[in-house]
Amino acid sequence: MTLRIGDTAPDFEAETTEGKIHFHDWIGDSWAVLFSHPKDFTPVCTTELGYMAKIKPDFDQRNVKVIGLSVDSTGDHESWAKDIEETQGNAPNYPIIGDADFEVSKAYGMLPAETSGDPKSRTPMDNQTVRNVFVVGPDKKIKLILAYPMTTGRNFDEVLRVIDSLQLTAKHKVATPVNWQQGDNVIIAGSVSNDEAKETFGEWEEPKPYIRIVPQPS
């Protein structure tokens, strides 16, 4: 299954370190970040889960729920959490899905549909494609997909930046330019006519007719 931005995020029921969830119900009216890992007790992922725990309040402030996934059991996740706290200074403070049957990984196109067997017999390389970040909106649509190699730790500050852009552009008819940060100028969306733009934004800078720059709407 190939997922694209704009698709409905596959719904599922799964056991997590915080009990059983029904994914769409768990999201509710919030945004959500689902980030996946090939296997427990792997070095790069250990740093990622620890850092995510550290900055989780930043996601909370944006009404974003965080959930992890690893192709192992929740029991293994709980043991791994102790290592994460010991080495990174923060234990996971969000649920982690136990995907020992590979069902969520397969539903999200991260593992082939024919994947089966004992997850403990699989190596991290066997699951190397389970290294994604999915941002899901309150409408349960996928807003962002990021895929990383095993050797590159993810930049969750960048995920926060993208969420700021997604939430802003969901409310206002604007787009955000390269390297945009909260508070920077934005671009009037191309779908907005000049007449509509005058009513909404008043004036704007126009280095080219297709580049209409305005302050970030509040």
N, C-alpha and C. Protein backbone atom coordinates (compact mmCIF):
# COMPACT_ATOMS: atom_id res chain seq x y z
N MET A 1 0.85 -1.19 0.00
CA MET A 1 0.00 0.00 0.00
C MET A 1 0.88 1.24 0.00
N THR A 2 0.63 2.13 -0.93
CA THR A 2 1.37 3.39 -1.00
C THR A 2 0.50 4.51 -0.46
N LEU A 3 0.98 5.19 0.56
CA LEU A 3 0.25 6.31 1.13
C LEU A 3 0.80 7.62 0.59
N ARG A 4 -0.09 8.57 0.40
CA ARG A 4 0.29 9.89 -0.09
C ARG A 4 -0.32 10.95 0.81
N ILE A 5 0.27 12.13 0.75
CA ILE A 5 -0.31 13.26 1.47
C ILE A 5 -1.74 13.48 0.97
N GLY A 6 -2.66 13.63 1.88
CA GLY A 6 -4.07 13.80 1.54
C GLY A 6 -4.88 12.54 1.70
N ASP A 7 -4.21 11.38 1.77
CA ASP A 7 -4.92 10.13 2.02
C ASP A 7 -5.40 10.07 3.47
N THR A 8 -6.46 9.33 3.70
CA THR A 8 -6.89 9.06 5.07
C THR A 8 -5.87 8.13 5.74
N ALA A 9 -5.41 8.49 6.91
CA ALA A 9 -4.47 7.64 7.64
C ALA A 9 -5.15 6.33 7.98
N PRO A 10 -4.54 5.19 7.67
CA PRO A 10 -5.16 3.91 8.01
C PRO A 10 -5.50 3.83 9.49
N ASP A 11 -6.72 3.42 9.77
CA ASP A 11 -7.14 3.25 11.16
C ASP A 11 -6.72 1.86 11.63
N PHE A 12 -6.56 1.71 12.91
CA PHE A 12 -6.15 0.40 13.44
C PHE A 12 -6.40 0.35 14.94
N GLU A 13 -6.47 -0.86 15.46
CA GLU A 13 -6.44 -1.09 16.90
C GLU A 13 -5.11 -1.74 17.23
N ALA A 14 -4.50 -1.35 18.33
CA ALA A 14 -3.19 -1.91 18.69
C ALA A 14 -2.95 -1.77 20.17
N GLU A 15 -2.13 -2.66 20.68
CA GLU A 15 -1.66 -2.55 22.06
C GLU A 15 -0.49 -1.56 22.10
N THR A 16 -0.49 -0.73 23.13
CA THR A 16 0.61 0.22 23.32
C THR A 16 1.09 0.12 24.76
N THR A 17 2.14 0.84 25.04
CA THR A 17 2.66 0.87 26.41
C THR A 17 1.71 1.58 27.36
N GLU A 18 0.66 2.21 26.83
CA GLU A 18 -0.35 2.87 27.67
C GLU A 18 -1.72 2.25 27.46
N GLY A 19 -1.75 1.00 27.00
CA GLY A 19 -3.01 0.29 26.82
C GLY A 19 -3.44 0.25 25.37
N LYS A 20 -4.56 -0.43 25.13
CA LYS A 20 -5.06 -0.60 23.77
C LYS A 20 -5.67 0.69 23.26
N ILE A 21 -5.42 1.00 21.99
CA ILE A 21 -6.00 2.20 21.39
C ILE A 21 -6.68 1.84 20.07
N HIS A 22 -7.63 2.67 19.70
CA HIS A 22 -8.22 2.72 18.36
C HIS A 22 -7.73 4.03 17.78
N PHE A 23 -6.89 3.97 16.76
CA PHE A 23 -6.08 5.13 16.36
C PHE A 23 -6.90 6.38 16.09
N HIS A 24 -7.93 6.29 15.28
CA HIS A 24 -8.70 7.49 14.95
C HIS A 24 -9.40 8.05 16.19
N ASP A 25 -9.91 7.17 17.04
CA ASP A 25 -10.53 7.64 18.28
C ASP A 25 -9.49 8.29 19.18
N TRP A 26 -8.30 7.70 19.21
CA TRP A 26 -7.22 8.24 20.05
C TRP A 26 -6.83 9.65 19.59
N ILE A 27 -6.81 9.88 18.29
CA ILE A 27 -6.49 11.22 17.78
C ILE A 27 -7.57 12.22 18.20
N GLY A 28 -8.82 11.82 18.07
CA GLY A 28 -9.91 12.72 18.42
C GLY A 28 -9.88 13.99 17.58
N ASP A 29 -9.95 15.15 18.24
CA ASP A 29 -9.93 16.44 17.55
C ASP A 29 -8.54 17.04 17.51
N SER A 30 -7.53 16.26 17.83
CA SER A 30 -6.15 16.74 17.86
C SER A 30 -5.44 16.47 16.54
N TRP A 31 -4.22 16.94 16.44
CA TRP A 31 -3.28 16.51 15.42
C TRP A 31 -2.50 15.35 16.02
N ALA A 32 -1.77 14.62 15.19
CA ALA A 32 -1.00 13.50 15.70
C ALA A 32 0.29 13.32 14.91
N VAL A 33 1.32 12.86 15.62
CA VAL A 33 2.58 12.44 15.01
C VAL A 33 2.78 10.97 15.34
N LEU A 34 2.89 10.15 14.30
CA LEU A 34 3.23 8.74 14.44
C LEU A 34 4.64 8.57 13.89
N PHE A 35 5.58 8.15 14.75
CA PHE A 35 6.95 7.95 14.26
C PHE A 35 7.38 6.52 14.59
N SER A 36 7.99 5.86 13.60
CA SER A 36 8.20 4.42 13.67
C SER A 36 9.68 4.07 13.74
N HIS A 37 9.93 2.86 14.26
CA HIS A 37 11.29 2.41 14.51
C HIS A 37 11.43 0.94 14.10
N PRO A 38 12.59 0.55 13.54
CA PRO A 38 12.76 -0.83 13.05
C PRO A 38 12.79 -1.87 14.15
N LYS A 39 13.31 -1.49 15.34
CA LYS A 39 13.48 -2.49 16.38
C LYS A 39 13.87 -1.80 17.68
N ASP A 40 13.50 -2.41 18.79
CA ASP A 40 13.90 -1.87 20.09
C ASP A 40 15.40 -2.08 20.31
N PHE A 41 15.94 -1.30 21.24
CA PHE A 41 17.34 -1.42 21.64
C PHE A 41 18.29 -1.16 20.46
N THR A 42 17.94 -0.18 19.62
CA THR A 42 18.82 0.26 18.55
C THR A 42 19.33 1.67 18.88
N PRO A 43 20.57 2.00 18.52
CA PRO A 43 21.20 3.21 19.05
C PRO A 43 20.59 4.53 18.59
N VAL A 44 20.37 4.69 17.29
CA VAL A 44 19.84 5.96 16.79
C VAL A 44 18.43 6.19 17.31
N CYS A 45 17.61 5.14 17.28
CA CYS A 45 16.23 5.28 17.76
C CYS A 45 16.18 5.60 19.25
N THR A 46 17.14 5.08 20.01
CA THR A 46 17.19 5.40 21.44
C THR A 46 17.33 6.90 21.65
N THR A 47 18.20 7.54 20.87
CA THR A 47 18.36 9.00 21.00
C THR A 47 17.09 9.72 20.58
N GLU A 48 16.40 9.19 19.56
CA GLU A 48 15.19 9.86 19.06
C GLU A 48 14.06 9.82 20.08
N LEU A 49 13.83 8.65 20.66
CA LEU A 49 12.73 8.54 21.62
C LEU A 49 13.00 9.40 22.86
N GLY A 50 14.26 9.50 23.26
CA GLY A 50 14.58 10.34 24.39
C GLY A 50 14.37 11.81 24.10
N TYR A 51 14.78 12.25 22.91
CA TYR A 51 14.61 13.66 22.56
C TYR A 51 13.13 14.00 22.39
N MET A 52 12.38 13.09 21.80
CA MET A 52 10.94 13.34 21.65
C MET A 52 10.28 13.53 23.01
N ALA A 53 10.70 12.73 24.00
CA ALA A 53 10.15 12.88 25.35
C ALA A 53 10.49 14.26 25.91
N LYS A 54 11.69 14.73 25.63
CA LYS A 54 12.13 16.03 26.14
C LYS A 54 11.29 17.17 25.59
N ILE A 55 10.95 17.11 24.29
CA ILE A 55 10.24 18.23 23.67
C ILE A 55 8.74 17.98 23.53
N LYS A 56 8.24 16.91 24.12
CA LYS A 56 6.81 16.64 24.01
C LYS A 56 5.94 17.82 24.45
N PRO A 57 6.32 18.61 25.48
CA PRO A 57 5.49 19.77 25.81
C PRO A 57 5.29 20.74 24.64
N ASP A 58 6.26 20.81 23.73
CA ASP A 58 6.10 21.67 22.56
C ASP A 58 5.00 21.14 21.63
N PHE A 59 4.89 19.83 21.54
CA PHE A 59 3.80 19.24 20.76
C PHE A 59 2.47 19.43 21.48
N ASP A 60 2.48 19.27 22.80
CA ASP A 60 1.25 19.47 23.59
C ASP A 60 0.69 20.88 23.37
N GLN A 61 1.57 21.88 23.35
CA GLN A 61 1.14 23.26 23.16
C GLN A 61 0.45 23.47 21.82
N ARG A 62 0.76 22.65 20.86
CA ARG A 62 0.19 22.76 19.52
C ARG A 62 -0.99 21.82 19.32
N ASN A 63 -1.47 21.20 20.39
CA ASN A 63 -2.57 20.24 20.31
C ASN A 63 -2.21 19.06 19.41
N VAL A 64 -0.97 18.57 19.57
CA VAL A 64 -0.48 17.45 18.78
C VAL A 64 -0.18 16.28 19.71
N LYS A 65 -0.80 15.14 19.46
CA LYS A 65 -0.50 13.93 20.22
C LYS A 65 0.65 13.19 19.55
N VAL A 66 1.49 12.57 20.36
CA VAL A 66 2.66 11.85 19.86
C VAL A 66 2.50 10.37 20.18
N ILE A 67 2.82 9.53 19.21
CA ILE A 67 2.80 8.09 19.43
C ILE A 67 3.94 7.45 18.65
N GLY A 68 4.66 6.55 19.29
CA GLY A 68 5.74 5.83 18.64
C GLY A 68 5.28 4.45 18.20
N LEU A 69 6.12 3.79 17.43
CA LEU A 69 5.85 2.42 16.98
C LEU A 69 7.19 1.73 16.80
N SER A 70 7.27 0.48 17.25
CA SER A 70 8.44 -0.34 16.96
C SER A 70 7.97 -1.76 16.71
N VAL A 71 8.70 -2.46 15.84
CA VAL A 71 8.30 -3.82 15.46
C VAL A 71 8.81 -4.80 16.53
N ASP A 72 8.26 -4.64 17.72
CA ASP A 72 8.55 -5.49 18.87
C ASP A 72 7.33 -5.42 19.79
N SER A 73 7.37 -6.15 20.87
CA SER A 73 6.24 -6.19 21.80
C SER A 73 6.28 -5.02 22.77
N THR A 74 5.13 -4.73 23.38
CA THR A 74 5.10 -3.66 24.38
C THR A 74 5.97 -3.99 25.59
N GLY A 75 6.13 -5.27 25.90
CA GLY A 75 7.01 -5.66 26.99
C GLY A 75 8.44 -5.25 26.71
N ASP A 76 8.89 -5.45 25.49
CA ASP A 76 10.23 -5.01 25.10
C ASP A 76 10.33 -3.49 25.16
N HIS A 77 9.26 -2.80 24.76
CA HIS A 77 9.26 -1.34 24.81
C HIS A 77 9.49 -0.84 26.23
N GLU A 78 8.84 -1.49 27.19
CA GLU A 78 8.96 -1.06 28.58
C GLU A 78 10.38 -1.26 29.10
N SER A 79 11.03 -2.34 28.69
CA SER A 79 12.43 -2.55 29.07
C SER A 79 13.33 -1.52 28.39
N TRP A 80 13.05 -1.24 27.13
CA TRP A 80 13.83 -0.26 26.38
C TRP A 80 13.70 1.13 27.00
N ALA A 81 12.52 1.44 27.52
CA ALA A 81 12.29 2.76 28.11
C ALA A 81 13.28 3.05 29.24
N LYS A 82 13.66 2.01 29.98
CA LYS A 82 14.62 2.20 31.06
C LYS A 82 15.99 2.60 30.51
N ASP A 83 16.38 1.98 29.42
CA ASP A 83 17.65 2.35 28.77
C ASP A 83 17.58 3.77 28.23
N ILE A 84 16.44 4.13 27.66
CA ILE A 84 16.29 5.47 27.09
C ILE A 84 16.44 6.52 28.18
N GLU A 85 15.78 6.30 29.30
CA GLU A 85 15.89 7.26 30.41
C GLU A 85 17.33 7.33 30.93
N GLU A 86 17.97 6.18 31.07
CA GLU A 86 19.33 6.14 31.62
C GLU A 86 20.33 6.86 30.70
N THR A 87 20.19 6.67 29.39
CA THR A 87 21.18 7.22 28.47
C THR A 87 20.83 8.61 27.93
N GLN A 88 19.54 8.94 27.87
CA GLN A 88 19.11 10.20 27.26
C GLN A 88 18.55 11.19 28.27
N GLY A 89 18.28 10.73 29.48
CA GLY A 89 17.78 11.63 30.51
C GLY A 89 16.28 11.77 30.55
N ASN A 90 15.58 11.17 29.60
CA ASN A 90 14.12 11.25 29.55
C ASN A 90 13.56 9.92 29.07
N ALA A 91 12.59 9.40 29.83
CA ALA A 91 11.89 8.20 29.39
C ALA A 91 10.71 8.60 28.51
N PRO A 92 10.30 7.75 27.59
CA PRO A 92 9.12 8.07 26.76
C PRO A 92 7.91 8.42 27.63
N ASN A 93 7.28 9.54 27.32
CA ASN A 93 6.09 10.02 28.04
C ASN A 93 4.90 10.07 27.09
N TYR A 94 4.89 9.14 26.17
CA TYR A 94 3.85 8.99 25.15
C TYR A 94 3.74 7.50 24.87
N PRO A 95 2.64 7.04 24.33
CA PRO A 95 2.49 5.60 24.06
C PRO A 95 3.38 5.14 22.91
N ILE A 96 3.81 3.88 23.00
CA ILE A 96 4.56 3.25 21.92
C ILE A 96 3.81 1.99 21.51
N ILE A 97 3.48 1.90 20.24
CA ILE A 97 2.73 0.76 19.72
C ILE A 97 3.61 -0.48 19.67
N GLY A 98 3.07 -1.60 20.13
CA GLY A 98 3.72 -2.88 19.94
C GLY A 98 3.24 -3.48 18.63
N ASP A 99 4.09 -3.49 17.63
CA ASP A 99 3.68 -3.95 16.30
C ASP A 99 4.34 -5.28 15.97
N ALA A 100 4.29 -6.20 16.94
CA ALA A 100 4.95 -7.50 16.76
C ALA A 100 4.32 -8.35 15.67
N ASP A 101 3.07 -8.03 15.30
CA ASP A 101 2.44 -8.77 14.19
C ASP A 101 2.59 -8.02 12.86
N PHE A 102 3.28 -6.88 12.87
CA PHE A 102 3.60 -6.10 11.66
C PHE A 102 2.38 -5.45 11.02
N GLU A 103 1.23 -5.52 11.66
CA GLU A 103 0.00 -5.08 10.99
C GLU A 103 0.00 -3.58 10.72
N VAL A 104 0.46 -2.77 11.67
CA VAL A 104 0.46 -1.32 11.44
C VAL A 104 1.52 -0.96 10.41
N SER A 105 2.69 -1.57 10.54
CA SER A 105 3.77 -1.29 9.57
C SER A 105 3.34 -1.63 8.15
N LYS A 106 2.59 -2.72 8.00
CA LYS A 106 2.11 -3.10 6.66
C LYS A 106 1.01 -2.16 6.19
N ALA A 107 0.11 -1.77 7.09
CA ALA A 107 -0.98 -0.86 6.71
C ALA A 107 -0.44 0.48 6.23
N TYR A 108 0.71 0.90 6.79
CA TYR A 108 1.30 2.19 6.42
C TYR A 108 2.37 2.05 5.34
N GLY A 109 2.43 0.87 4.71
CA GLY A 109 3.33 0.68 3.59
C GLY A 109 4.80 0.64 3.94
N MET A 110 5.12 0.39 5.21
CA MET A 110 6.51 0.39 5.63
C MET A 110 7.15 -0.98 5.53
N LEU A 111 6.34 -2.03 5.49
CA LEU A 111 6.82 -3.39 5.29
C LEU A 111 5.94 -4.07 4.23
N PRO A 112 6.49 -5.03 3.48
CA PRO A 112 5.69 -5.72 2.47
C PRO A 112 4.51 -6.46 3.10
N ALA A 113 3.44 -6.60 2.33
CA ALA A 113 2.22 -7.23 2.83
C ALA A 113 2.45 -8.67 3.26
N GLU A 114 3.44 -9.33 2.67
CA GLU A 114 3.69 -10.74 2.99
C GLU A 114 4.56 -10.94 4.24
N THR A 115 4.98 -9.88 4.88
CA THR A 115 5.83 -10.00 6.07
C THR A 115 5.11 -10.77 7.16
N SER A 116 5.80 -11.73 7.76
CA SER A 116 5.21 -12.53 8.83
C SER A 116 6.34 -13.14 9.65
N GLY A 117 5.96 -13.89 10.68
CA GLY A 117 6.95 -14.59 11.48
C GLY A 117 7.19 -13.95 12.83
N ASP A 118 8.23 -14.39 13.49
CA ASP A 118 8.59 -13.93 14.82
C ASP A 118 9.42 -12.66 14.71
N PRO A 119 8.96 -11.54 15.27
CA PRO A 119 9.72 -10.30 15.15
C PRO A 119 11.11 -10.39 15.78
N LYS A 120 11.26 -11.26 16.78
CA LYS A 120 12.56 -11.38 17.44
C LYS A 120 13.61 -12.02 16.53
N SER A 121 13.15 -12.72 15.49
CA SER A 121 14.09 -13.34 14.56
C SER A 121 14.52 -12.38 13.46
N ARG A 122 13.93 -11.19 13.43
CA ARG A 122 14.25 -10.20 12.41
C ARG A 122 15.28 -9.22 12.93
N THR A 123 16.18 -8.79 12.07
CA THR A 123 17.21 -7.82 12.44
C THR A 123 16.71 -6.41 12.13
N PRO A 124 17.37 -5.39 12.68
CA PRO A 124 17.00 -4.02 12.29
C PRO A 124 17.05 -3.81 10.78
N MET A 125 18.01 -4.44 10.10
CA MET A 125 18.09 -4.29 8.65
C MET A 125 16.87 -4.87 7.95
N ASP A 126 16.31 -5.95 8.52
CA ASP A 126 15.09 -6.51 7.95
C ASP A 126 13.94 -5.51 7.99
N ASN A 127 13.96 -4.64 9.01
CA ASN A 127 12.87 -3.67 9.22
C ASN A 127 13.32 -2.24 8.92
N GLN A 128 14.38 -2.09 8.14
CA GLN A 128 14.98 -0.76 7.97
C GLN A 128 14.03 0.27 7.38
N THR A 129 12.99 -0.18 6.67
CA THR A 129 12.04 0.77 6.07
C THR A 129 11.03 1.30 7.08
N VAL A 130 11.06 0.79 8.31
CA VAL A 130 10.14 1.27 9.35
C VAL A 130 10.81 2.44 10.07
N ARG A 131 11.05 3.52 9.32
CA ARG A 131 11.74 4.71 9.84
C ARG A 131 11.04 5.95 9.31
N ASN A 132 9.75 6.05 9.57
CA ASN A 132 8.95 7.13 9.00
C ASN A 132 8.38 8.04 10.07
N VAL A 133 7.99 9.23 9.63
CA VAL A 133 7.20 10.16 10.44
C VAL A 133 5.94 10.48 9.64
N PHE A 134 4.79 10.29 10.26
CA PHE A 134 3.52 10.67 9.66
C PHE A 134 2.87 11.73 10.55
N VAL A 135 2.50 12.86 9.95
CA VAL A 135 1.70 13.85 10.65
C VAL A 135 0.27 13.73 10.14
N VAL A 136 -0.67 13.58 11.06
CA VAL A 136 -2.08 13.37 10.73
C VAL A 136 -2.89 14.51 11.33
N GLY A 137 -3.80 15.06 10.53
CA GLY A 137 -4.63 16.16 11.01
C GLY A 137 -5.86 15.68 11.73
N PRO A 138 -6.60 16.61 12.36
CA PRO A 138 -7.85 16.23 13.04
C PRO A 138 -8.87 15.58 12.11
N ASP A 139 -8.74 15.85 10.80
CA ASP A 139 -9.62 15.22 9.82
C ASP A 139 -9.17 13.81 9.44
N LYS A 140 -8.11 13.34 10.12
CA LYS A 140 -7.54 11.99 9.92
C LYS A 140 -6.86 11.84 8.56
N LYS A 141 -6.55 12.96 7.91
CA LYS A 141 -5.81 12.94 6.66
C LYS A 141 -4.32 13.08 6.93
N ILE A 142 -3.51 12.42 6.10
CA ILE A 142 -2.06 12.53 6.25
C ILE A 142 -1.60 13.87 5.68
N LYS A 143 -0.88 14.63 6.50
CA LYS A 143 -0.42 15.96 6.11
C LYS A 143 1.07 15.99 5.76
N LEU A 144 1.83 15.03 6.28
CA LEU A 144 3.27 15.00 6.04
C LEU A 144 3.76 13.57 6.16
N ILE A 145 4.67 13.17 5.27
CA ILE A 145 5.34 11.87 5.35
C ILE A 145 6.83 12.12 5.20
N LEU A 146 7.61 11.66 6.17
CA LEU A 146 9.07 11.73 6.10
C LEU A 146 9.61 10.32 6.27
N ALA A 147 10.59 9.95 5.46
CA ALA A 147 11.24 8.65 5.57
C ALA A 147 12.74 8.86 5.73
N TYR A 148 13.32 8.15 6.69
CA TYR A 148 14.74 8.33 7.01
C TYR A 148 15.49 7.01 6.92
N PRO A 149 16.78 7.06 6.55
CA PRO A 149 17.61 5.87 6.64
C PRO A 149 17.97 5.57 8.09
N MET A 150 18.39 4.35 8.34
CA MET A 150 18.70 3.94 9.71
C MET A 150 19.84 4.72 10.33
N THR A 151 20.75 5.22 9.50
CA THR A 151 21.96 5.86 10.02
C THR A 151 21.80 7.35 10.29
N THR A 152 20.61 7.90 10.02
CA THR A 152 20.39 9.33 10.19
C THR A 152 19.29 9.58 11.21
N GLY A 153 19.65 10.22 12.32
CA GLY A 153 18.65 10.57 13.32
C GLY A 153 17.71 11.64 12.81
N ARG A 154 16.48 11.55 13.21
CA ARG A 154 15.46 12.49 12.73
C ARG A 154 15.54 13.83 13.45
N ASN A 155 15.10 14.88 12.76
CA ASN A 155 15.11 16.24 13.30
C ASN A 155 13.68 16.59 13.72
N PHE A 156 13.37 16.41 15.00
CA PHE A 156 12.01 16.67 15.45
C PHE A 156 11.72 18.16 15.61
N ASP A 157 12.76 18.99 15.68
CA ASP A 157 12.52 20.43 15.63
C ASP A 157 11.96 20.81 14.26
N GLU A 158 12.41 20.16 13.21
CA GLU A 158 11.87 20.40 11.88
C GLU A 158 10.42 19.94 11.79
N VAL A 159 10.09 18.83 12.45
CA VAL A 159 8.70 18.37 12.46
C VAL A 159 7.81 19.42 13.11
N LEU A 160 8.29 20.02 14.21
CA LEU A 160 7.52 21.10 14.85
C LEU A 160 7.35 22.29 13.91
N ARG A 161 8.42 22.64 13.19
CA ARG A 161 8.33 23.76 12.25
C ARG A 161 7.29 23.49 11.17
N VAL A 162 7.28 22.28 10.64
CA VAL A 162 6.31 21.93 9.61
C VAL A 162 4.89 21.96 10.18
N ILE A 163 4.72 21.48 11.41
CA ILE A 163 3.39 21.51 12.02
C ILE A 163 2.92 22.95 12.19
N ASP A 164 3.82 23.86 12.57
CA ASP A 164 3.44 25.27 12.65
C ASP A 164 2.92 25.76 11.30
N SER A 165 3.61 25.38 10.23
CA SER A 165 3.19 25.78 8.89
C SER A 165 1.85 25.14 8.52
N LEU A 166 1.71 23.85 8.81
CA LEU A 166 0.47 23.15 8.48
C LEU A 166 -0.72 23.76 9.20
N GLN A 167 -0.54 24.07 10.48
CA GLN A 167 -1.65 24.63 11.25
C GLN A 167 -1.98 26.05 10.80
N LEU A 168 -0.96 26.83 10.44
CA LEU A 168 -1.20 28.19 9.95
C LEU A 168 -1.93 28.16 8.62
N THR A 169 -1.44 27.33 7.70
CA THR A 169 -2.02 27.32 6.35
C THR A 169 -3.37 26.62 6.30
N ALA A 170 -3.70 25.86 7.35
CA ALA A 170 -5.03 25.28 7.44
C ALA A 170 -6.07 26.33 7.80
N LYS A 171 -5.63 27.40 8.46
CA LYS A 171 -6.54 28.45 8.91
C LYS A 171 -6.58 29.65 7.98
N HIS A 172 -5.48 29.89 7.29
CA HIS A 172 -5.37 31.10 6.46
C HIS A 172 -4.93 30.71 5.05
N LYS A 173 -5.31 31.50 4.07
CA LYS A 173 -5.01 31.20 2.67
C LYS A 173 -3.62 31.70 2.30
N VAL A 174 -2.64 31.08 2.93
CA VAL A 174 -1.24 31.46 2.72
C VAL A 174 -0.40 30.20 2.59
N ALA A 175 0.82 30.40 2.14
CA ALA A 175 1.84 29.36 2.10
C ALA A 175 3.09 29.91 2.79
N THR A 176 3.96 29.03 3.25
CA THR A 176 5.17 29.48 3.94
C THR A 176 6.38 29.26 3.04
N PRO A 177 7.29 30.25 2.96
CA PRO A 177 8.44 30.14 2.06
C PRO A 177 9.57 29.31 2.67
N VAL A 178 10.64 29.20 1.93
CA VAL A 178 11.80 28.41 2.36
C VAL A 178 12.29 28.86 3.75
N ASN A 179 12.59 27.88 4.57
CA ASN A 179 13.16 28.10 5.91
C ASN A 179 12.28 28.96 6.81
N TRP A 180 11.00 29.02 6.50
CA TRP A 180 10.08 29.83 7.30
C TRP A 180 10.09 29.40 8.76
N GLN A 181 10.03 30.39 9.64
CA GLN A 181 9.88 30.16 11.07
C GLN A 181 8.69 30.96 11.57
N GLN A 182 8.13 30.52 12.69
CA GLN A 182 6.97 31.20 13.27
C GLN A 182 7.24 32.70 13.39
N GLY A 183 6.34 33.53 12.82
CA GLY A 183 6.47 34.98 12.88
C GLY A 183 7.04 35.61 11.62
N ASP A 184 7.63 34.79 10.73
CA ASP A 184 8.17 35.32 9.48
C ASP A 184 7.05 35.66 8.50
N ASN A 185 7.40 36.45 7.50
CA ASN A 185 6.45 36.75 6.43
C ASN A 185 6.02 35.47 5.71
N VAL A 186 4.84 35.54 5.09
CA VAL A 186 4.30 34.39 4.36
C VAL A 186 3.91 34.85 2.95
N ILE A 187 3.46 33.89 2.15
CA ILE A 187 3.08 34.16 0.77
C ILE A 187 1.58 33.90 0.60
N ILE A 188 0.90 34.81 -0.04
CA ILE A 188 -0.53 34.59 -0.32
C ILE A 188 -0.66 33.40 -1.25
N ALA A 189 -1.56 32.50 -0.93
CA ALA A 189 -1.74 31.28 -1.73
C ALA A 189 -2.10 31.61 -3.17
N GLY A 190 -1.58 30.81 -4.09
CA GLY A 190 -1.83 31.05 -5.51
C GLY A 190 -3.29 30.93 -5.90
N SER A 191 -4.08 30.23 -5.08
CA SER A 191 -5.50 30.06 -5.38
C SER A 191 -6.33 31.31 -5.06
N VAL A 192 -5.70 32.30 -4.43
CA VAL A 192 -6.40 33.52 -4.02
C VAL A 192 -6.23 34.59 -5.10
N SER A 193 -7.34 35.10 -5.63
CA SER A 193 -7.27 36.16 -6.65
C SER A 193 -6.81 37.46 -6.01
N ASN A 194 -6.36 38.40 -6.83
CA ASN A 194 -5.94 39.69 -6.31
C ASN A 194 -7.10 40.42 -5.63
N ASP A 195 -8.29 40.32 -6.18
CA ASP A 195 -9.44 40.98 -5.56
C ASP A 195 -9.71 40.40 -4.17
N GLU A 196 -9.67 39.08 -4.07
CA GLU A 196 -9.88 38.45 -2.77
C GLU A 196 -8.74 38.80 -1.82
N ALA A 197 -7.52 38.85 -2.34
CA ALA A 197 -6.37 39.17 -1.51
C ALA A 197 -6.47 40.58 -0.94
N LYS A 198 -7.00 41.52 -1.74
CA LYS A 198 -7.15 42.90 -1.25
C LYS A 198 -8.13 42.95 -0.09
N GLU A 199 -9.21 42.17 -0.19
CA GLU A 199 -10.19 42.14 0.89
C GLU A 199 -9.61 41.51 2.15
N THR A 200 -8.79 40.49 1.98
CA THR A 200 -8.29 39.73 3.12
C THR A 200 -7.03 40.34 3.72
N PHE A 201 -6.10 40.75 2.85
CA PHE A 201 -4.78 41.16 3.32
C PHE A 201 -4.48 42.64 3.13
N GLY A 202 -5.27 43.34 2.34
CA GLY A 202 -4.98 44.74 2.07
C GLY A 202 -3.89 44.86 1.03
N GLU A 203 -2.69 45.22 1.45
CA GLU A 203 -1.57 45.38 0.53
C GLU A 203 -0.57 44.26 0.73
N TRP A 204 0.33 44.12 -0.24
CA TRP A 204 1.38 43.10 -0.15
C TRP A 204 2.58 43.53 -0.99
N GLU A 205 3.71 42.94 -0.69
CA GLU A 205 4.91 43.10 -1.52
C GLU A 205 4.79 42.14 -2.69
N GLU A 206 5.25 42.60 -3.89
CA GLU A 206 5.08 41.76 -5.07
C GLU A 206 6.34 41.82 -5.95
N PRO A 207 7.40 41.08 -5.57
CA PRO A 207 8.59 41.07 -6.43
C PRO A 207 8.31 40.48 -7.81
N LYS A 208 7.33 39.59 -7.91
CA LYS A 208 6.81 39.07 -9.15
C LYS A 208 5.30 38.89 -8.97
N PRO A 209 4.52 38.95 -10.06
CA PRO A 209 3.07 38.84 -9.88
C PRO A 209 2.63 37.57 -9.16
N TYR A 210 3.44 36.50 -9.22
CA TYR A 210 3.06 35.24 -8.57
C TYR A 210 3.67 35.10 -7.18
N ILE A 211 4.38 36.13 -6.72
CA ILE A 211 4.95 36.10 -5.36
C ILE A 211 4.39 37.30 -4.60
N ARG A 212 3.41 37.05 -3.76
CA ARG A 212 2.73 38.12 -3.00
C ARG A 212 3.02 37.91 -1.53
N ILE A 213 3.82 38.77 -0.94
CA ILE A 213 4.35 38.59 0.40
C ILE A 213 3.59 39.47 1.39
N VAL A 214 3.16 38.85 2.51
CA VAL A 214 2.44 39.59 3.57
C VAL A 214 2.96 39.12 4.92
N PRO A 215 2.73 39.93 5.97
CA PRO A 215 3.07 39.46 7.32
C PRO A 215 2.24 38.21 7.68
N GLN A 216 2.78 37.41 8.54
CA GLN A 216 2.05 36.22 9.00
C GLN A 216 0.74 36.63 9.66
N PRO A 217 -0.40 36.07 9.24
CA PRO A 217 -1.67 36.37 9.92
C PRO A 217 -1.61 35.90 11.37
N SER A 218 -2.30 36.61 12.23
CA SER A 218 -2.32 36.25 13.65
C SER A 218 -3.43 35.25 13.91
